[in-house]
Amino acid sequence: QVQLEESGGGLVQAGGSLRLSCAASGRTFSSYHMGWFRQAPGKEREFVGVISGSGGYTYYADSVKGRFTCSRDNGKNTVYLQMNNLTPEDTAIYYCAAGPSMVRTISEYIYWGQGTQVTVSS
């Protein structure tokens, strides 16, 4: 069992940056690949990025590539999402999720956090 809790969301102006954190419970954190997803009002939840259990591999949705970076500290059981050059289109609730595969498919992730709101003003 893994419990996840996101933090770090908030209100930021366009062009600004935020770093989200996702703290995990459990002793098997490093065995899970960690994904980030987001859901904007009236839209379906979408993939943002994923980082491997070791932290050595990442990949991202085209919409955030070059602006967002996933990282993790397995010693602290925490994964991060650094978001730079934010635009109003990035406004959403952001979720972290843990799963056995490095995929963008929502159903492949087993554990989910409650989400943190990110709002980007123009």
Protein backbone atom coordinates (compact mmCIF):
# COMPACT_ATOMS: atom_id res chain seq x y z
CA GLN A 1 0.00 0.00 0.00
CA VAL A 2 1.30 3.44 -0.96
CA GLN A 3 -0.27 6.71 0.09
CA LEU A 4 0.51 9.83 -1.89
CA GLU A 5 0.10 13.48 -0.98
CA GLU A 6 0.75 16.37 -3.35
CA SER A 7 1.71 19.87 -2.30
CA GLY A 8 3.10 23.03 -3.81
CA GLY A 9 0.20 24.18 -5.92
CA GLY A 10 -1.02 27.73 -5.98
CA LEU A 11 -1.62 30.84 -8.04
CA VAL A 12 1.12 32.07 -10.33
CA GLN A 13 1.33 34.55 -13.17
CA ALA A 14 1.97 33.45 -16.73
CA GLY A 15 5.66 32.92 -17.30
CA GLY A 16 6.22 31.96 -13.69
CA SER A 17 7.31 28.72 -12.08
CA LEU A 18 6.08 26.29 -9.47
CA ARG A 19 7.47 23.10 -8.02
CA LEU A 20 5.03 20.42 -6.98
CA SER A 21 5.96 17.74 -4.50
CA CYS A 22 4.43 14.34 -3.95
CA ALA A 23 5.28 12.62 -0.69
CA ALA A 24 4.79 8.88 -0.48
CA SER A 25 4.40 6.51 2.42
CA GLY A 26 5.66 2.96 2.34
CA ARG A 27 8.99 1.24 2.04
CA THR A 28 8.64 0.26 -1.60
CA PHE A 29 8.56 3.74 -3.12
CA SER A 30 11.58 3.19 -5.35
CA SER A 31 9.95 0.16 -6.96
CA TYR A 32 7.23 2.33 -8.50
CA HIS A 33 7.34 4.52 -11.53
CA MET A 34 5.76 7.85 -10.69
CA GLY A 35 3.50 9.69 -13.06
CA TRP A 36 2.09 13.19 -13.04
CA PHE A 37 -1.32 13.91 -14.48
CA ARG A 38 -3.59 16.93 -14.61
CA GLN A 39 -7.26 17.66 -15.05
CA ALA A 40 -8.58 21.02 -16.15
CA PRO A 41 -12.20 22.05 -15.55
CA GLY A 42 -14.50 20.30 -17.98
CA LYS A 43 -11.71 18.18 -19.44
CA GLU A 44 -10.50 14.65 -19.00
CA ARG A 45 -7.48 13.83 -16.91
CA GLU A 46 -4.34 13.84 -19.02
CA PHE A 47 -0.79 12.60 -18.77
CA VAL A 48 1.93 15.13 -17.99
CA GLY A 49 5.10 13.14 -17.33
CA VAL A 50 6.57 10.06 -15.70
CA ILE A 51 9.82 9.17 -13.98
CA SER A 52 11.24 5.71 -13.51
CA GLY A 53 11.72 4.12 -10.12
CA SER A 54 15.44 4.80 -10.19
CA GLY A 55 14.93 8.32 -11.45
CA GLY A 56 17.10 7.67 -14.48
CA TYR A 57 14.40 7.86 -17.13
CA THR A 58 11.68 10.38 -17.81
CA TYR A 59 9.31 11.28 -20.58
CA TYR A 60 6.72 13.96 -21.04
CA ALA A 61 3.62 14.99 -22.89
CA ASP A 62 4.41 17.15 -25.88
CA SER A 63 2.48 20.04 -24.33
CA VAL A 64 4.95 20.33 -21.43
CA LYS A 65 8.18 19.04 -22.93
CA GLY A 66 11.00 21.49 -22.35
CA ARG A 67 9.08 23.33 -19.63
CA PHE A 68 8.34 20.66 -17.01
CA THR A 69 10.81 18.35 -15.30
CA CYS A 70 10.17 15.30 -13.14
CA SER A 71 12.65 14.30 -10.48
CA ARG A 72 12.62 12.15 -7.38
CA ASP A 73 14.48 11.63 -4.14
CA ASN A 74 13.99 8.01 -3.07
CA GLY A 75 15.68 8.70 0.23
CA LYS A 76 12.88 11.13 1.03
CA ASN A 77 10.13 9.13 -0.69
CA THR A 78 9.29 12.21 -2.71
CA VAL A 79 8.79 12.99 -6.37
CA TYR A 80 8.81 16.49 -7.82
CA LEU A 81 7.41 18.29 -10.81
CA GLN A 82 9.24 21.49 -11.68
CA MET A 83 7.05 23.64 -13.90
CA ASN A 84 8.57 26.61 -15.73
CA ASN A 85 7.21 29.14 -18.17
CA LEU A 86 3.67 28.42 -17.10
CA THR A 87 0.73 29.48 -19.24
CA PRO A 88 -2.99 29.77 -18.42
CA GLU A 89 -3.47 26.50 -20.33
CA ASP A 90 -1.54 24.76 -17.55
CA THR A 91 -4.28 25.59 -15.05
CA ALA A 92 -5.55 22.30 -13.62
CA ILE A 93 -5.55 20.02 -10.65
CA TYR A 94 -2.29 18.10 -10.69
CA TYR A 95 -2.09 14.51 -9.46
CA CYS A 96 0.78 12.18 -8.81
CA ALA A 97 0.35 8.45 -9.23
CA ALA A 98 2.38 5.30 -8.65
CA GLY A 99 2.44 2.30 -10.95
CA PRO A 100 4.48 -0.63 -12.19
CA SER A 101 4.97 0.67 -15.73
CA MET A 102 6.36 3.81 -17.32
CA VAL A 103 3.30 4.59 -19.36
CA ARG A 104 0.90 7.42 -19.96
CA THR A 105 -2.18 5.23 -19.49
CA ILE A 106 -4.19 6.33 -16.47
CA SER A 107 -5.56 2.86 -15.74
CA GLU A 108 -2.03 1.48 -15.35
CA TYR A 109 -1.43 3.51 -12.21
CA ILE A 110 -2.43 1.91 -8.94
CA TYR A 111 -2.11 4.63 -6.31
CA TRP A 112 -3.19 8.24 -6.62
CA GLY A 113 -2.88 11.37 -4.57
CA GLN A 114 -5.73 13.78 -3.92
CA GLY A 115 -4.37 16.46 -6.21
CA THR A 116 -3.16 20.02 -5.85
CA GLN A 117 -4.60 23.03 -7.67
CA VAL A 118 -2.41 25.05 -10.01
CA THR A 119 -3.84 28.28 -11.36
CA VAL A 120 -1.97 30.40 -13.88
CA SER A 121 -3.23 33.92 -14.44
CA SER A 122 -2.67 35.84 -17.66
